[in-house]
C-alpha atoms as a PDB file:
ATOM      1  CA  MET A   1     -14.407  44.452 -19.450  1.00  0.00           C
ATOM      2  CA  PRO A   2     -12.192  43.999 -16.395  1.00  0.00           C
ATOM      3  CA  ILE A   3     -15.066  42.317 -14.507  1.00  0.00           C
ATOM      4  CA  ALA A   4     -15.541  39.845 -17.364  1.00  0.00           C
ATOM      5  CA  ARG A   5     -11.857  38.923 -17.177  1.00  0.00           C
ATOM      6  CA  VAL A   6     -12.085  38.391 -13.412  1.00  0.00           C
ATOM      7  CA  VAL A   7     -15.143  36.177 -13.839  1.00  0.00           C
ATOM      8  CA  HIS A   8     -13.399  34.258 -16.627  1.00  0.00           C
ATOM      9  CA  PHE A   9     -10.278  33.818 -14.470  1.00  0.00           C
ATOM     10  CA  ALA A  10     -12.379  32.662 -11.483  1.00  0.00           C
ATOM     11  CA  THR A  11     -14.235  30.184 -13.686  1.00  0.00           C
ATOM     12  CA  LEU A  12     -10.985  28.772 -15.067  1.00  0.00           C
ATOM     13  CA  SER A  13      -9.476  28.570 -11.574  1.00  0.00           C
ATOM     14  CA  ALA A  14     -12.504  26.695 -10.273  1.00  0.00           C
ATOM     15  CA  LEU A  15     -12.376  24.308 -13.243  1.00  0.00           C
ATOM     16  CA  LEU A  16      -8.674  23.590 -12.645  1.00  0.00           C
ATOM     17  CA  LEU A  17      -9.368  22.955  -8.968  1.00  0.00           C
ATOM     18  CA  ILE A  18     -12.119  20.482  -9.847  1.00  0.00           C
ATOM     19  CA  LEU A  19      -9.919  18.711 -12.403  1.00  0.00           C
ATOM     20  CA  SER A  20      -7.001  18.462  -9.969  1.00  0.00           C
ATOM     21  CA  PHE A  21      -9.183  16.715  -7.368  1.00  0.00           C
ATOM     22  CA  SER A  22      -8.833  12.971  -7.702  1.00  0.00           C
ATOM     23  CA  PRO A  23     -12.114  11.150  -6.989  1.00  0.00           C
ATOM     24  CA  GLN A  24     -10.191   7.861  -6.966  1.00  0.00           C
ATOM     25  CA  ALA A  25      -7.993   9.095  -4.106  1.00  0.00           C
ATOM     26  CA  ALA A  26     -11.059  10.220  -2.157  1.00  0.00           C
ATOM     27  CA  GLU A  27     -12.725   6.877  -2.863  1.00  0.00           C
ATOM     28  CA  VAL A  28      -9.716   4.933  -1.614  1.00  0.00           C
ATOM     29  CA  ALA A  29      -9.330   7.108   1.471  1.00  0.00           C
ATOM     30  CA  GLY A  30     -12.980   7.376   2.525  1.00  0.00           C
ATOM     31  CA  ASP A  31     -14.859   4.426   1.063  1.00  0.00           C
ATOM     32  CA  TYR A  32     -12.118   1.806   1.041  1.00  0.00           C
ATOM     33  CA  ARG A  33     -13.368  -1.478   2.459  1.00  0.00           C
ATOM     34  CA  LEU A  34     -10.908  -3.490   4.520  1.00  0.00           C
ATOM     35  CA  GLY A  35      -9.974  -7.015   3.532  1.00  0.00           C
ATOM     36  CA  VAL A  36      -7.676  -9.891   4.427  1.00  0.00           C
ATOM     37  CA  GLY A  37      -4.054  -8.758   4.463  1.00  0.00           C
ATOM     38  CA  ASP A  38      -4.630  -5.044   5.107  1.00  0.00           C
ATOM     39  CA  ARG A  39      -2.268  -3.671   7.795  1.00  0.00           C
ATOM     40  CA  LEU A  40      -3.662  -1.150  10.251  1.00  0.00           C
ATOM     41  CA  ARG A  41      -2.514   1.088  13.071  1.00  0.00           C
ATOM     42  CA  ILE A  42      -5.150   1.099  15.792  1.00  0.00           C
ATOM     43  CA  THR A  43      -4.784   3.675  18.536  1.00  0.00           C
ATOM     44  CA  VAL A  44      -6.835   3.568  21.728  1.00  0.00           C
ATOM     45  CA  PHE A  45      -5.989   6.996  23.129  1.00  0.00           C
ATOM     46  CA  GLY A  46      -4.506   6.864  26.615  1.00  0.00           C
ATOM     47  CA  HIS A  47      -4.087   3.073  26.465  1.00  0.00           C
ATOM     48  CA  GLU A  48      -0.811   2.147  24.770  1.00  0.00           C
ATOM     49  CA  SER A  49      -1.183  -1.532  25.706  1.00  0.00           C
ATOM     50  CA  LEU A  50      -4.328  -1.727  23.534  1.00  0.00           C
ATOM     51  CA  SER A  51      -2.796   0.189  20.624  1.00  0.00           C
ATOM     52  CA  GLY A  52      -0.513  -1.104  17.892  1.00  0.00           C
ATOM     53  CA  LYS A  53      -0.177  -2.444  14.370  1.00  0.00           C
ATOM     54  CA  PHE A  54      -2.579  -5.180  13.345  1.00  0.00           C
ATOM     55  CA  THR A  55      -3.307  -7.194  10.203  1.00  0.00           C
ATOM     56  CA  VAL A  56      -6.741  -8.307   9.048  1.00  0.00           C
ATOM     57  CA  ASP A  57      -6.421 -12.088   9.392  1.00  0.00           C
ATOM     58  CA  GLY A  58      -7.685 -14.875   7.134  1.00  0.00           C
ATOM     59  CA  ALA A  59     -11.037 -14.848   8.919  1.00  0.00           C
ATOM     60  CA  GLY A  60     -11.475 -11.137   8.184  1.00  0.00           C
ATOM     61  CA  ARG A  61     -10.854 -10.075  11.790  1.00  0.00           C
ATOM     62  CA  VAL A  62      -8.418  -7.960  13.736  1.00  0.00           C
ATOM     63  CA  VAL A  63      -7.453  -9.621  17.008  1.00  0.00           C
ATOM     64  CA  MET A  64      -6.870  -7.103  19.801  1.00  0.00           C
ATOM     65  CA  PRO A  65      -5.932  -7.342  23.480  1.00  0.00           C
ATOM     66  CA  LEU A  66      -8.889  -7.647  25.885  1.00  0.00           C
ATOM     67  CA  ILE A  67     -11.627  -7.811  23.269  1.00  0.00           C
ATOM     68  CA  GLY A  68     -10.259 -10.512  20.957  1.00  0.00           C
ATOM     69  CA  GLY A  69     -11.356 -10.688  17.322  1.00  0.00           C
ATOM     70  CA  VAL A  70     -13.292  -7.827  15.785  1.00  0.00           C
ATOM     71  CA  VAL A  71     -14.828  -8.400  12.359  1.00  0.00           C
ATOM     72  CA  SER A  72     -13.069  -5.990  10.006  1.00  0.00           C
ATOM     73  CA  GLN A  73     -13.530  -7.317   6.485  1.00  0.00           C
ATOM     74  CA  GLY A  74     -15.898  -5.147   4.484  1.00  0.00           C
ATOM     75  CA  LEU A  75     -15.746  -2.210   6.926  1.00  0.00           C
ATOM     76  CA  THR A  76     -14.225   1.223   6.410  1.00  0.00           C
ATOM     77  CA  THR A  77     -11.627   2.410   8.918  1.00  0.00           C
ATOM     78  CA  THR A  78     -14.281   4.660  10.507  1.00  0.00           C
ATOM     79  CA  GLU A  79     -16.716   1.758  10.872  1.00  0.00           C
ATOM     80  CA  LEU A  80     -13.989  -0.407  12.412  1.00  0.00           C
ATOM     81  CA  ALA A  81     -13.122   2.343  14.917  1.00  0.00           C
ATOM     82  CA  ARG A  82     -16.806   2.450  15.932  1.00  0.00           C
ATOM     83  CA  ALA A  83     -16.945  -1.354  16.281  1.00  0.00           C
ATOM     84  CA  ILE A  84     -13.840  -1.398  18.486  1.00  0.00           C
ATOM     85  CA  THR A  85     -15.218   1.472  20.590  1.00  0.00           C
ATOM     86  CA  ALA A  86     -18.475  -0.433  21.083  1.00  0.00           C
ATOM     87  CA  ARG A  87     -16.577  -3.562  22.182  1.00  0.00           C
ATOM     88  CA  LEU A  88     -14.446  -1.606  24.675  1.00  0.00           C
ATOM     89  CA  ARG A  89     -17.378   0.293  26.198  1.00  0.00           C
ATOM     90  CA  PRO A  90     -18.526  -0.141  29.004  1.00  0.00           C
ATOM     91  CA  ASP A  91     -16.910  -3.384  30.183  1.00  0.00           C
ATOM     92  CA  TYR A  92     -13.310  -2.279  29.704  1.00  0.00           C
ATOM     93  CA  LEU A  93     -13.203   1.502  29.247  1.00  0.00           C
ATOM     94  CA  VAL A  94     -15.654   4.223  30.242  1.00  0.00           C
ATOM     95  CA  ASN A  95     -15.155   6.562  27.272  1.00  0.00           C
ATOM     96  CA  PRO A  96     -12.829   4.941  24.731  1.00  0.00           C
ATOM     97  CA  ARG A  97     -11.496   7.008  21.843  1.00  0.00           C
ATOM     98  CA  VAL A  98     -10.270   4.875  18.963  1.00  0.00           C
ATOM     99  CA  SER A  99      -8.500   5.756  15.740  1.00  0.00           C
ATOM    100  CA  VAL A 100      -7.871   3.333  12.845  1.00  0.00           C
ATOM    101  CA  GLU A 101      -5.356   4.156  10.131  1.00  0.00           C
ATOM    102  CA  LEU A 102      -4.644   2.055   7.043  1.00  0.00           C
ATOM    103  CA  LEU A 103      -0.877   1.453   6.838  1.00  0.00           C
ATOM    104  CA  THR A 104      -0.582  -0.994   3.942  1.00  0.00           C
ATOM    105  CA  TYR A 105      -3.152  -2.222   1.439  1.00  0.00           C
ATOM    106  CA  ARG A 106      -3.591  -5.944   0.891  1.00  0.00           C
ATOM    107  CA  PRO A 107      -1.630  -7.274  -2.085  1.00  0.00           C
ATOM    108  CA  PHE A 108      -2.936  -7.928  -5.567  1.00  0.00           C
ATOM    109  CA  TYR A 109      -2.150 -11.119  -7.496  1.00  0.00           C
ATOM    110  CA  ILE A 110      -1.079 -11.555 -11.088  1.00  0.00           C
ATOM    111  CA  LEU A 111      -1.163 -14.919 -12.872  1.00  0.00           C
ATOM    112  CA  GLY A 112      -0.747 -16.357 -16.330  1.00  0.00           C
ATOM    113  CA  GLU A 113       1.480 -15.088 -19.098  1.00  0.00           C
ATOM    114  CA  VAL A 114       3.827 -12.831 -17.122  1.00  0.00           C
ATOM    115  CA  ASN A 115       7.464 -13.487 -16.283  1.00  0.00           C
ATOM    116  CA  LYS A 116       7.067 -13.519 -12.480  1.00  0.00           C
ATOM    117  CA  PRO A 117       3.508 -14.406 -11.430  1.00  0.00           C
ATOM    118  CA  GLY A 118       2.699 -13.956  -7.755  1.00  0.00           C
ATOM    119  CA  ASP A 119       1.475 -11.469  -5.176  1.00  0.00           C
ATOM    120  CA  TYR A 120       2.676  -7.877  -5.143  1.00  0.00           C
ATOM    121  CA  PRO A 121       2.105  -4.870  -2.907  1.00  0.00           C
ATOM    122  CA  TYR A 122      -0.657  -2.559  -4.081  1.00  0.00           C
ATOM    123  CA  ARG A 123       0.165   1.085  -4.831  1.00  0.00           C
ATOM    124  CA  GLU A 124      -2.441   3.817  -5.217  1.00  0.00           C
ATOM    125  CA  GLY A 125      -3.322   4.677  -8.804  1.00  0.00           C
ATOM    126  CA  MET A 126      -1.943   1.400 -10.142  1.00  0.00           C
ATOM    127  CA  THR A 127      -3.012   0.133 -13.558  1.00  0.00           C
ATOM    128  CA  VAL A 128      -2.850  -3.347 -15.067  1.00  0.00           C
ATOM    129  CA  LEU A 129       0.193  -2.269 -17.088  1.00  0.00           C
ATOM    130  CA  ASN A 130       1.963  -1.222 -13.846  1.00  0.00           C
ATOM    131  CA  ALA A 131       1.091  -4.611 -12.360  1.00  0.00           C
ATOM    132  CA  VAL A 132       2.501  -6.424 -15.391  1.00  0.00           C
ATOM    133  CA  ALA A 133       5.698  -4.389 -15.121  1.00  0.00           C
ATOM    134  CA  LEU A 134       6.069  -5.396 -11.452  1.00  0.00           C
ATOM    135  CA  ALA A 135       5.618  -9.010 -12.532  1.00  0.00           C
ATOM    136  CA  GLY A 136       8.584  -8.787 -14.905  1.00  0.00           C
ATOM    137  CA  GLY A 137       6.637  -7.908 -18.034  1.00  0.00           C
ATOM    138  CA  PHE A 138       4.590  -9.940 -20.468  1.00  0.00           C
ATOM    139  CA  ALA A 139       5.733 -13.460 -21.320  1.00  0.00           C
ATOM    140  CA  PRO A 140       6.344 -14.078 -25.055  1.00  0.00           C
ATOM    141  CA  HIS A 141       2.888 -15.569 -25.741  1.00  0.00           C
ATOM    142  CA  ALA A 142       0.856 -13.127 -23.647  1.00  0.00           C
ATOM    143  CA  LYS A 143      -2.334 -11.596 -24.927  1.00  0.00           C
ATOM    144  CA  ARG A 144      -1.324  -7.976 -24.338  1.00  0.00           C
ATOM    145  CA  ASN A 145      -4.496  -6.018 -25.002  1.00  0.00           C
ATOM    146  CA  LYS A 146      -7.017  -7.614 -22.611  1.00  0.00           C
ATOM    147  CA  VAL A 147      -6.775  -9.322 -19.221  1.00  0.00           C
ATOM    148  CA  LEU A 148      -9.202 -10.854 -16.755  1.00  0.00           C
ATOM    149  CA  ILE A 149      -9.616  -9.266 -13.326  1.00  0.00           C
ATOM    150  CA  GLU A 150     -11.359 -11.072 -10.514  1.00  0.00           C
ATOM    151  CA  ARG A 151     -12.681  -8.523  -8.039  1.00  0.00           C
ATOM    152  CA  ASN A 152     -15.125  -9.152  -5.216  1.00  0.00           C
ATOM    153  CA  GLY A 153     -16.133 -12.497  -6.696  1.00  0.00           C
ATOM    154  CA  LYS A 154     -16.806 -11.087 -10.176  1.00  0.00           C
ATOM    155  CA  ARG A 155     -14.740 -11.664 -13.327  1.00  0.00           C
ATOM    156  CA  LEU A 156     -14.193  -8.654 -15.539  1.00  0.00           C
ATOM    157  CA  ARG A 157     -12.470  -8.233 -18.889  1.00  0.00           C
ATOM    158  CA  ALA A 158     -10.201  -5.214 -18.820  1.00  0.00           C
ATOM    159  CA  ALA A 159      -7.700  -3.310 -20.914  1.00  0.00           C
ATOM    160  CA  VAL A 160      -4.127  -2.810 -19.717  1.00  0.00           C
ATOM    161  CA  GLY A 161      -4.989   0.764 -18.717  1.00  0.00           C
ATOM    162  CA  ALA A 162      -7.646  -0.375 -16.230  1.00  0.00           C
ATOM    163  CA  ARG A 163      -7.179   0.458 -12.569  1.00  0.00           C
ATOM    164  CA  VAL A 164      -6.113  -2.251 -10.154  1.00  0.00           C
ATOM    165  CA  GLU A 165      -7.612  -2.442  -6.676  1.00  0.00           C
ATOM    166  CA  PRO A 166      -6.205  -4.130  -3.575  1.00  0.00           C
ATOM    167  CA  GLY A 167      -6.974  -7.857  -3.563  1.00  0.00           C
ATOM    168  CA  ASP A 168      -7.539  -8.065  -7.336  1.00  0.00           C
ATOM    169  CA  ILE A 169      -6.517 -11.247  -9.136  1.00  0.00           C
ATOM    170  CA  ILE A 170      -5.247 -10.371 -12.609  1.00  0.00           C
ATOM    171  CA  THR A 171      -4.925 -13.128 -15.189  1.00  0.00           C
ATOM    172  CA  VAL A 172      -2.955 -12.457 -18.370  1.00  0.00           C
ATOM    173  CA  ARG A 173      -4.140 -14.991 -20.908  1.00  0.00           C
ATOM    174  CA  GLU A 174      -2.178 -16.715 -23.634  1.00  0.00           C
ATOM    175  CA  ARG A 175      -2.708 -15.484 -27.155  1.00  0.00           C
ATOM    176  CA  PHE A 176      -3.441 -17.912 -29.924  1.00  0.00           C
ATOM    177  CA  PHE A 177      -1.995 -17.259 -33.366  1.00  0.00           C
END
């Protein structure tokens, strides 16, 4: 009997560990694709003059000293570090070591039947309802159960519990009586 209890306890512990892991957090950290407005810290080890804070510009690039614009939109931070390393080697540095860290996500936008439409800073784990709250709440004639989200060129219908991603455009529509 004691062995059965140990196995049961180990199984429950493993299940709790799995449930406590957030796949969304891992997705944001590892698979997040950069876009216009993301703020980054780029470190070229041993070369402070090449390191600093940069923003992905309107053309989807990060403009750095020596190498100029590096296409960043659509890349992960790891892919961008590799691209910068490739641009620095061999013309500027023999063995560059580059690190890219995401400092601030690009904003999301909320339009339509909210009290303060506009752009707002993205926060991890944000839902449509959180976004509406940041925008001052629903306006009196808002359709409160469904919204439109434009993401990566696609329009999606979503409930207020749906997750928001950086760069999303949320439209709260007017309800008709």
